[in-house]
Amino acid sequence: MNRKELDPESSPQAAFGARIRRSREARAWKQEELGERMGYSGTHISAVEVGRKMPTLRFSRSADRVFDTGETADTFERQWREIRHGSLLEGFPQYVGHESRAVEIRLYNIGIIPGLLQTPEYARVLADSAVRRGAITPEQAEERVSFLAERQAALVRPRPPMVFVTLDESCIRRPIGGAAVMGAQLARLVEFAGLPNTLLQVAPYEIGERRTFDLPVNLLTLSDRSVLCYAESQAQGHLDRESASVVPMLTAYHQLQGEAMSQAASVAMISELRKGIP
């Protein structure tokens, strides 16, 4: 048999294919047998294993079903998302996997509304702008927008998490996409603030040097009460699980909330801005 070997370290796609092959061979299945179980041809399985064909969401979910990995921390679907979201910063796909299961979410942003609160139109403007700058491809822009919709949908569940959002004032004053887009986005913030499981605050410019963060920060509290921190710059992201470094970040977030405006005052500011949009 002419067997093509791939270096799993050469690319995320190669790592996915190598893992499919290892899982199949561990069960002594031929490619045709695995194909029958997954709903694909043996030729399709072969093409994924050697990296000729990109796996899809349907394929990865079928693999999780067949190999019984759907309830594990390292699913084929998660691996597929890392391939598809290659334009995302390092650490972010892993963060999102925890985000959908968190019991508390704390967000701080500067200049841009956090993704979980963005309207589709606002998100589209940002993605299209990145395409025009040459930072991402049109295909990656589509993936970003659909990925964001999936993140938002994952939070609409019977027992939703408590979501704390602190926005630097620049988030609500920076015009994105014109009057219609920005007006609808500000309306979305007011709607968000009215939910029973949310707290929205604006950190006004006048707090000056008392602002505790200079970069966006996401903090997740999981069901076991452990806390994860994801922070990013323009070029890279970092997911941190070590309590020695995460706990000070949580403390800084609480300090920032103490300096920020109340939710009522924040909503009033946002509402006044909406009135001024032509």
Protein backbone atom coordinates (compact mmCIF):
# COMPACT_ATOMS: atom_id res chain seq x y z
CA MET A 1 0.00 0.00 0.00
CA ASN A 2 1.29 3.46 -0.90
CA ARG A 3 1.02 5.24 2.45
CA LYS A 4 1.67 8.97 2.59
CA GLU A 5 3.13 10.15 5.87
CA LEU A 6 2.46 13.67 7.14
CA ASP A 7 4.30 15.65 9.76
CA PRO A 8 1.58 16.54 12.30
CA GLU A 9 3.65 19.58 13.30
CA SER A 10 3.67 21.01 9.79
CA SER A 11 0.21 22.60 10.04
CA PRO A 12 -3.05 22.42 12.03
CA GLN A 13 -4.66 20.68 9.05
CA ALA A 14 -1.93 18.03 9.02
CA ALA A 15 -2.36 17.51 12.76
CA PHE A 16 -6.10 16.98 12.26
CA GLY A 17 -5.54 14.41 9.50
CA ALA A 18 -2.90 12.56 11.50
CA ARG A 19 -5.23 12.37 14.48
CA ILE A 20 -8.04 10.94 12.33
CA ARG A 21 -5.64 8.30 11.02
CA ARG A 22 -4.36 7.40 14.52
CA SER A 23 -7.90 7.12 15.88
CA ARG A 24 -8.97 4.95 12.95
CA GLU A 25 -5.97 2.64 13.12
CA ALA A 26 -6.32 2.26 16.90
CA ARG A 27 -9.67 0.60 16.14
CA ALA A 28 -8.26 -1.40 13.22
CA TRP A 29 -10.75 0.19 10.82
CA LYS A 30 -10.07 0.61 7.14
CA GLN A 31 -10.77 4.00 5.58
CA GLU A 32 -13.92 2.59 3.96
CA GLU A 33 -15.18 1.35 7.34
CA LEU A 34 -14.64 4.72 8.98
CA GLY A 35 -16.29 6.38 5.99
CA GLU A 36 -19.41 4.27 6.40
CA ARG A 37 -19.63 5.12 10.09
CA MET A 38 -19.14 8.85 9.45
CA GLY A 39 -21.23 9.14 6.28
CA TYR A 40 -18.33 9.74 3.89
CA SER A 41 -16.51 7.75 1.25
CA GLY A 42 -13.22 6.04 1.96
CA THR A 43 -11.65 8.37 -0.60
CA HIS A 44 -12.84 11.38 1.38
CA ILE A 45 -11.39 9.95 4.60
CA SER A 46 -8.09 9.37 2.82
CA ALA A 47 -8.01 12.94 1.50
CA VAL A 48 -8.54 14.38 4.99
CA GLU A 49 -5.95 12.09 6.53
CA VAL A 50 -3.22 13.17 4.11
CA GLY A 51 -4.19 16.84 4.09
CA ARG A 52 -5.57 17.06 0.55
CA LYS A 53 -9.05 18.01 1.76
CA MET A 54 -9.93 20.51 4.48
CA PRO A 55 -12.19 19.05 7.21
CA THR A 56 -15.58 20.70 7.71
CA LEU A 57 -17.70 21.34 10.78
CA ARG A 58 -19.98 18.44 9.81
CA PHE A 59 -16.95 16.16 9.37
CA SER A 60 -15.44 17.10 12.74
CA ARG A 61 -18.73 16.59 14.57
CA SER A 62 -19.17 13.22 12.88
CA ALA A 63 -15.66 12.26 13.98
CA ASP A 64 -16.49 13.23 17.58
CA ARG A 65 -19.59 11.04 17.41
CA VAL A 66 -17.79 8.02 15.96
CA PHE A 67 -14.69 8.27 18.17
CA ASP A 68 -16.70 9.27 21.27
CA THR A 69 -14.74 12.48 21.84
CA GLY A 70 -17.69 14.90 21.86
CA GLU A 71 -17.69 15.31 25.64
CA THR A 72 -13.93 15.60 26.05
CA ALA A 73 -11.81 18.74 26.35
CA ASP A 74 -10.01 17.99 23.09
CA THR A 75 -12.76 17.44 20.53
CA PHE A 76 -12.30 17.23 16.79
CA GLU A 77 -14.67 20.17 16.53
CA ARG A 78 -12.38 22.30 18.69
CA GLN A 79 -9.44 21.28 16.52
CA TRP A 80 -11.41 22.17 13.38
CA ARG A 81 -12.21 25.60 14.80
CA GLU A 82 -8.53 26.24 15.39
CA ILE A 83 -7.91 25.47 11.72
CA ARG A 84 -10.77 27.63 10.49
CA HIS A 85 -9.99 30.49 12.82
CA GLY A 86 -6.34 30.75 11.96
CA SER A 87 -6.77 34.51 11.59
CA LEU A 88 -7.66 34.76 15.28
CA LEU A 89 -5.01 35.53 17.84
CA GLU A 90 -3.22 32.74 19.67
CA GLY A 91 -5.15 31.50 22.68
CA PHE A 92 -8.50 32.90 21.57
CA PRO A 93 -10.06 29.67 20.22
CA GLN A 94 -9.21 27.98 23.52
CA TYR A 95 -10.70 30.91 25.42
CA VAL A 96 -13.96 30.66 23.47
CA GLY A 97 -14.24 26.98 24.35
CA HIS A 98 -14.34 27.96 28.03
CA GLU A 99 -16.49 31.04 27.44
CA SER A 100 -19.50 28.99 26.37
CA ARG A 101 -19.42 27.12 29.70
CA ALA A 102 -18.53 29.96 32.07
CA VAL A 103 -20.84 30.94 34.91
CA GLU A 104 -19.48 34.50 35.04
CA ILE A 105 -17.93 36.59 32.26
CA ARG A 106 -16.12 39.88 32.85
CA LEU A 107 -15.12 42.01 29.86
CA TYR A 108 -13.19 45.23 29.48
CA ASN A 109 -12.65 46.86 26.09
CA ILE A 110 -11.06 50.00 24.70
CA GLY A 111 -12.19 51.63 21.45
CA ILE A 112 -14.36 48.76 20.15
CA ILE A 113 -17.56 47.22 21.54
CA PRO A 114 -16.82 43.68 22.81
CA GLY A 115 -17.73 40.95 20.35
CA LEU A 116 -20.41 39.42 22.56
CA LEU A 117 -22.33 42.71 22.44
CA GLN A 118 -21.77 43.59 18.77
CA THR A 119 -24.64 43.76 16.31
CA PRO A 120 -24.12 41.79 13.06
CA GLU A 121 -23.82 45.07 11.14
CA TYR A 122 -21.18 46.46 13.50
CA ALA A 123 -19.20 43.20 13.31
CA ARG A 124 -19.45 43.20 9.52
CA VAL A 125 -18.04 46.73 9.25
CA LEU A 126 -15.02 45.74 11.36
CA ALA A 127 -14.42 42.56 9.35
CA ASP A 128 -14.74 44.35 6.00
CA SER A 129 -12.31 47.01 7.19
CA ALA A 130 -9.75 44.32 8.01
CA VAL A 131 -10.18 42.92 4.49
CA ARG A 132 -9.56 46.33 2.90
CA ARG A 133 -6.37 46.68 4.95
CA GLY A 134 -5.20 43.29 3.74
CA ALA A 135 -5.12 41.91 7.29
CA ILE A 136 -7.49 39.02 6.48
CA THR A 137 -9.11 37.47 3.42
CA PRO A 138 -12.80 37.84 2.51
CA GLU A 139 -13.27 34.19 3.50
CA GLN A 140 -11.76 34.85 6.91
CA ALA A 141 -14.03 37.88 7.30
CA GLU A 142 -17.07 35.66 6.70
CA GLU A 143 -15.74 33.19 9.23
CA ARG A 144 -15.20 35.91 11.83
CA VAL A 145 -18.76 37.16 11.53
CA SER A 146 -20.30 33.68 11.65
CA PHE A 147 -17.98 32.68 14.51
CA LEU A 148 -19.14 35.70 16.51
CA ALA A 149 -22.77 34.75 15.93
CA GLU A 150 -22.00 31.26 17.28
CA ARG A 151 -20.38 32.75 20.40
CA GLN A 152 -23.37 34.95 21.07
CA ALA A 153 -25.83 32.08 20.53
CA ALA A 154 -23.92 29.87 22.96
CA LEU A 155 -24.70 32.31 25.78
CA VAL A 156 -28.46 32.06 25.25
CA ARG A 157 -29.10 29.01 27.38
CA PRO A 158 -31.51 28.03 30.18
CA ARG A 159 -29.06 29.18 32.87
CA PRO A 160 -27.09 31.98 31.23
CA PRO A 161 -23.89 33.31 32.78
CA MET A 162 -23.69 36.57 34.68
CA VAL A 163 -22.00 39.00 32.29
CA PHE A 164 -20.17 42.07 33.60
CA VAL A 165 -19.06 44.54 30.93
CA THR A 166 -16.97 47.64 31.56
CA LEU A 167 -16.45 49.83 28.51
CA ASP A 168 -13.87 52.53 28.16
CA GLU A 169 -15.75 55.66 27.08
CA SER A 170 -13.95 55.47 23.73
CA CYS A 171 -16.01 52.35 22.87
CA ILE A 172 -19.26 54.30 22.72
CA ARG A 173 -17.83 57.50 21.24
CA ARG A 174 -15.81 56.01 18.39
CA PRO A 175 -18.05 56.06 15.28
CA ILE A 176 -18.11 52.72 13.44
CA GLY A 177 -19.98 52.18 10.16
CA GLY A 178 -21.96 55.40 10.04
CA ALA A 179 -25.01 56.70 11.88
CA ALA A 180 -27.35 53.77 11.28
CA VAL A 181 -24.85 51.12 12.36
CA MET A 182 -23.68 53.05 15.40
CA GLY A 183 -27.19 53.99 16.45
CA ALA A 184 -28.31 50.37 16.36
CA GLN A 185 -25.19 49.33 18.27
CA LEU A 186 -25.85 51.82 21.06
CA ALA A 187 -29.45 50.60 21.21
CA ARG A 188 -28.11 47.07 21.61
CA LEU A 189 -26.03 48.18 24.61
CA VAL A 190 -29.09 49.68 26.30
CA GLU A 191 -31.01 46.47 25.63
CA PHE A 192 -28.15 44.42 27.07
CA ALA A 193 -28.11 46.52 30.24
CA GLY A 194 -31.78 45.69 30.80
CA LEU A 195 -31.22 41.94 31.03
CA PRO A 196 -31.42 40.31 34.49
CA ASN A 197 -27.99 38.65 34.22
CA THR A 198 -25.91 41.64 33.09
CA LEU A 199 -24.12 44.68 34.44
CA LEU A 200 -22.95 47.37 32.01
CA GLN A 201 -20.69 50.21 33.12
CA VAL A 202 -18.78 52.94 31.29
CA ALA A 203 -15.31 53.89 32.53
CA PRO A 204 -15.31 57.63 31.72
CA TYR A 205 -12.32 59.53 30.43
CA GLU A 206 -12.09 61.55 33.64
CA ILE A 207 -10.89 58.60 35.72
CA GLY A 208 -7.54 59.26 34.02
CA GLU A 209 -4.65 57.38 35.55
CA ARG A 210 -7.03 55.38 37.77
CA ARG A 211 -7.91 53.20 34.78
CA THR A 212 -6.46 49.83 35.78
CA PHE A 213 -6.03 48.28 32.31
CA ASP A 214 -4.35 49.58 29.17
CA LEU A 215 -5.43 46.61 27.03
CA PRO A 216 -8.67 44.63 26.59
CA VAL A 217 -9.18 41.93 29.22
CA ASN A 218 -11.59 38.97 29.45
CA LEU A 219 -12.05 37.08 32.72
CA LEU A 220 -14.04 33.84 33.02
CA THR A 221 -15.28 32.17 36.19
CA LEU A 222 -15.98 28.48 35.60
CA SER A 223 -18.42 26.23 37.45
CA ASP A 224 -15.66 25.05 39.82
CA ARG A 225 -15.01 28.75 40.65
CA SER A 226 -11.61 28.73 38.95
CA VAL A 227 -10.85 31.89 36.97
CA LEU A 228 -9.22 32.22 33.54
CA CYS A 229 -7.87 35.41 32.03
CA TYR A 230 -7.50 36.21 28.35
CA ALA A 231 -5.70 39.41 27.36
CA GLU A 232 -4.50 40.54 23.98
CA SER A 233 -2.51 43.18 22.19
CA GLN A 234 -2.65 44.07 18.50
CA ALA A 235 -0.33 41.19 17.64
CA GLN A 236 -0.96 38.40 20.13
CA GLY A 237 -3.30 36.96 22.71
CA HIS A 238 -2.60 35.01 25.89
CA LEU A 239 -4.82 32.66 27.92
CA ASP A 240 -3.72 32.39 31.56
CA ARG A 241 -4.92 29.81 34.09
CA GLU A 242 -2.36 30.42 36.85
CA SER A 243 -4.02 31.87 39.94
CA ALA A 244 -0.87 33.77 40.89
CA SER A 245 -1.29 35.99 37.85
CA VAL A 246 -5.07 35.74 37.31
CA VAL A 247 -6.18 36.84 40.80
CA PRO A 248 -4.44 40.26 40.52
CA MET A 249 -6.24 40.76 37.20
CA LEU A 250 -9.56 40.04 38.90
CA THR A 251 -8.68 42.50 41.65
CA ALA A 252 -7.82 45.15 39.05
CA TYR A 253 -11.17 44.54 37.34
CA HIS A 254 -13.04 45.12 40.61
CA GLN A 255 -11.03 48.32 41.15
CA LEU A 256 -11.98 49.49 37.67
CA GLN A 257 -15.66 48.82 38.37
CA GLY A 258 -15.35 50.98 41.47
CA GLU A 259 -14.08 53.88 39.35
CA ALA A 260 -16.62 53.37 36.55
CA MET A 261 -20.05 54.96 36.33
CA SER A 262 -23.08 53.14 37.68
CA GLN A 263 -25.18 51.20 35.20
CA ALA A 264 -27.94 53.80 35.39
CA ALA A 265 -25.50 56.63 34.66
CA SER A 266 -23.84 54.60 31.91
CA VAL A 267 -27.15 53.90 30.18
CA ALA A 268 -28.02 57.59 30.44
CA MET A 269 -24.75 58.53 28.74
CA ILE A 270 -25.31 55.99 25.96
CA SER A 271 -28.88 57.18 25.46
CA GLU A 272 -27.71 60.80 25.15
CA LEU A 273 -25.18 59.75 22.51
CA ARG A 274 -27.95 58.00 20.58
CA LYS A 275 -29.98 61.21 20.53
CA GLY A 276 -27.07 63.07 18.98
CA ILE A 277 -26.71 60.65 16.05
CA PRO A 278 -28.31 62.21 12.96
